[in-house]
Amino acid sequence: MITLQDYFNDKPHPTEYNLNALTLLYRVNNLIAAFVTDTGEISVNNPATGNQISGSKNGDGGFRLPTSLTGSSKSAHKQGMAVDIYDKGQHLDNWLDKNPDALIKYDLYREEASQTINWCHLGTRKPLSGNRTFKP
């Protein structure tokens, strides 16, 4: 389970982003629980972060500071609305390919798996295309 502490990792942020992140993490944690229940696979922690967030310790897989050079300047990560899940072997992405209704059920959007090798980008902000799975 990803916590607010895991997500923000002591990075300064506006308090209003807490609600964004709580909404995101509630949905993501429930989606991961459904994945584990359905597949019997264990959701593995990233050795670098010690939790399910992709990247490095103090990295940009969770919340990103406005000054972060990772991704787009308009990244949903910078508003507490997206997270990159550690997904070595693409197990979660493959499950979502087979179970696209899970994104609808948990009201999440993800970047296309071909764009996120060994992680799965999930967010609450609807992309311009409106598609649950989109190419950034």
Protein backbone atom coordinates (compact mmCIF):
# COMPACT_ATOMS: atom_id res chain seq x y z
CA MET A 1 0.00 0.00 0.00
CA ILE A 2 1.31 3.43 -0.94
CA THR A 3 0.99 6.06 1.78
CA LEU A 4 1.00 9.86 1.59
CA GLN A 5 4.48 9.78 3.12
CA ASP A 6 5.65 7.42 0.35
CA TYR A 7 4.08 9.67 -2.27
CA PHE A 8 5.29 13.10 -1.13
CA ASN A 9 8.52 11.84 0.46
CA ASP A 10 8.97 15.04 2.51
CA LYS A 11 8.85 17.22 -0.61
CA PRO A 12 7.19 20.58 0.11
CA HIS A 13 3.77 20.91 -1.48
CA PRO A 14 0.60 22.98 -1.16
CA THR A 15 -1.77 21.43 1.40
CA GLU A 16 -4.57 21.31 -1.19
CA TYR A 17 -2.53 18.68 -3.04
CA ASN A 18 -3.10 16.30 -0.10
CA LEU A 19 -6.70 15.74 -1.22
CA ASN A 20 -5.56 15.09 -4.79
CA ALA A 21 -3.01 12.55 -3.57
CA LEU A 22 -5.43 10.88 -1.12
CA THR A 23 -7.94 10.41 -3.95
CA LEU A 24 -5.23 9.08 -6.25
CA LEU A 25 -3.75 6.68 -3.70
CA TYR A 26 -7.16 5.38 -2.59
CA ARG A 27 -7.96 4.45 -6.19
CA VAL A 28 -4.49 3.10 -7.01
CA ASN A 29 -4.22 1.02 -3.83
CA ASN A 30 -7.63 -0.51 -4.56
CA LEU A 31 -6.67 -1.26 -8.15
CA ILE A 32 -3.46 -2.94 -6.99
CA ALA A 33 -5.46 -4.99 -4.45
CA ALA A 34 -7.77 -6.12 -7.27
CA PHE A 35 -4.74 -7.06 -9.38
CA VAL A 36 -3.25 -9.13 -6.53
CA THR A 37 -6.60 -10.81 -5.77
CA ASP A 38 -7.28 -11.62 -9.42
CA THR A 39 -3.81 -12.86 -10.37
CA GLY A 40 -2.42 -14.21 -7.11
CA GLU A 41 0.75 -12.27 -7.89
CA ILE A 42 2.43 -10.25 -5.20
CA SER A 43 2.78 -6.55 -5.87
CA VAL A 44 6.53 -6.12 -5.46
CA ASN A 45 8.18 -3.15 -3.78
CA ASN A 46 10.83 -1.25 -5.70
CA PRO A 47 14.21 -2.04 -4.08
CA ALA A 48 15.29 1.59 -4.64
CA THR A 49 12.31 3.22 -2.90
CA GLY A 50 11.21 0.51 -0.47
CA ASN A 51 7.62 0.89 -1.65
CA GLN A 52 5.58 0.40 -4.83
CA ILE A 53 6.61 3.70 -6.41
CA SER A 54 8.95 3.48 -9.39
CA GLY A 55 12.22 5.38 -9.67
CA SER A 56 14.86 6.20 -7.12
CA LYS A 57 14.66 7.27 -3.48
CA ASN A 58 13.57 10.95 -3.44
CA GLY A 59 12.89 10.56 -7.17
CA ASP A 60 9.98 11.65 -9.33
CA GLY A 61 7.79 8.51 -9.50
CA GLY A 62 5.44 10.07 -6.94
CA PHE A 63 5.00 13.79 -6.39
CA ARG A 64 7.17 16.07 -8.50
CA LEU A 65 8.28 19.51 -7.48
CA PRO A 66 7.40 22.36 -9.89
CA THR A 67 11.13 22.62 -10.67
CA SER A 68 11.42 18.94 -11.67
CA LEU A 69 12.77 18.36 -15.16
CA THR A 70 11.22 14.87 -15.30
CA GLY A 71 8.34 14.62 -17.77
CA SER A 72 6.16 17.46 -18.93
CA SER A 73 6.01 20.86 -17.27
CA LYS A 74 2.25 20.20 -16.98
CA SER A 75 2.69 16.72 -15.47
CA ALA A 76 -0.14 15.49 -13.25
CA HIS A 77 2.61 14.37 -10.83
CA LYS A 78 3.17 18.06 -10.03
CA GLN A 79 -0.41 18.38 -8.73
CA GLY A 80 -0.54 15.13 -6.77
CA MET A 81 -2.66 13.47 -9.46
CA ALA A 82 -0.33 10.77 -10.87
CA VAL A 83 2.03 8.06 -9.69
CA ASP A 84 4.41 5.65 -11.41
CA ILE A 85 4.02 2.13 -10.03
CA TYR A 86 7.04 -0.18 -10.03
CA ASP A 87 6.09 -2.88 -12.56
CA LYS A 88 9.17 -4.88 -13.51
CA GLY A 89 8.06 -7.38 -16.14
CA GLN A 90 4.93 -5.35 -16.99
CA HIS A 91 2.65 -7.64 -14.92
CA LEU A 92 0.28 -4.84 -13.88
CA ASP A 93 0.23 -3.33 -17.37
CA ASN A 94 -0.47 -6.75 -18.93
CA TRP A 95 -3.33 -7.30 -16.46
CA LEU A 96 -4.77 -3.88 -17.31
CA ASP A 97 -4.57 -4.74 -21.02
CA LYS A 98 -6.72 -7.81 -20.27
CA ASN A 99 -8.96 -5.97 -17.78
CA PRO A 100 -9.49 -2.45 -19.16
CA ASP A 101 -12.70 -2.07 -17.14
CA ALA A 102 -10.54 -1.90 -13.99
CA LEU A 103 -9.50 1.61 -15.04
CA ILE A 104 -13.16 2.58 -15.30
CA LYS A 105 -14.06 0.90 -11.99
CA TYR A 106 -11.32 2.77 -10.12
CA ASP A 107 -11.66 5.94 -12.24
CA LEU A 108 -8.02 5.98 -13.31
CA TYR A 109 -6.07 6.73 -16.48
CA ARG A 110 -2.76 5.22 -17.55
CA GLU A 111 -0.05 5.85 -20.04
CA GLU A 112 0.30 3.26 -22.77
CA ALA A 113 2.46 0.34 -21.60
CA SER A 114 4.89 0.73 -24.50
CA GLN A 115 5.80 4.15 -23.09
CA THR A 116 6.38 2.92 -19.51
CA ILE A 117 8.72 -0.07 -19.51
CA ASN A 118 9.03 -1.52 -15.98
CA TRP A 119 6.59 0.96 -14.48
CA CYS A 120 2.90 1.75 -14.84
CA HIS A 121 1.79 5.38 -14.86
CA LEU A 122 -1.62 5.84 -13.21
CA GLY A 123 -3.44 9.10 -12.68
CA THR A 124 -6.75 10.71 -11.85
CA ARG A 125 -6.54 13.56 -14.36
CA LYS A 126 -8.42 12.85 -17.58
CA PRO A 127 -6.16 13.23 -20.64
CA LEU A 128 -7.22 15.42 -23.57
CA SER A 129 -8.09 12.28 -25.57
CA GLY A 130 -10.47 11.12 -22.84
CA ASN A 131 -9.09 7.59 -23.27
CA ARG A 132 -8.43 5.49 -20.17
CA THR A 133 -5.15 4.34 -21.75
CA PHE A 134 -3.35 7.09 -23.61
CA LYS A 135 -0.07 7.88 -25.29
CA PRO A 136 1.62 10.89 -23.69
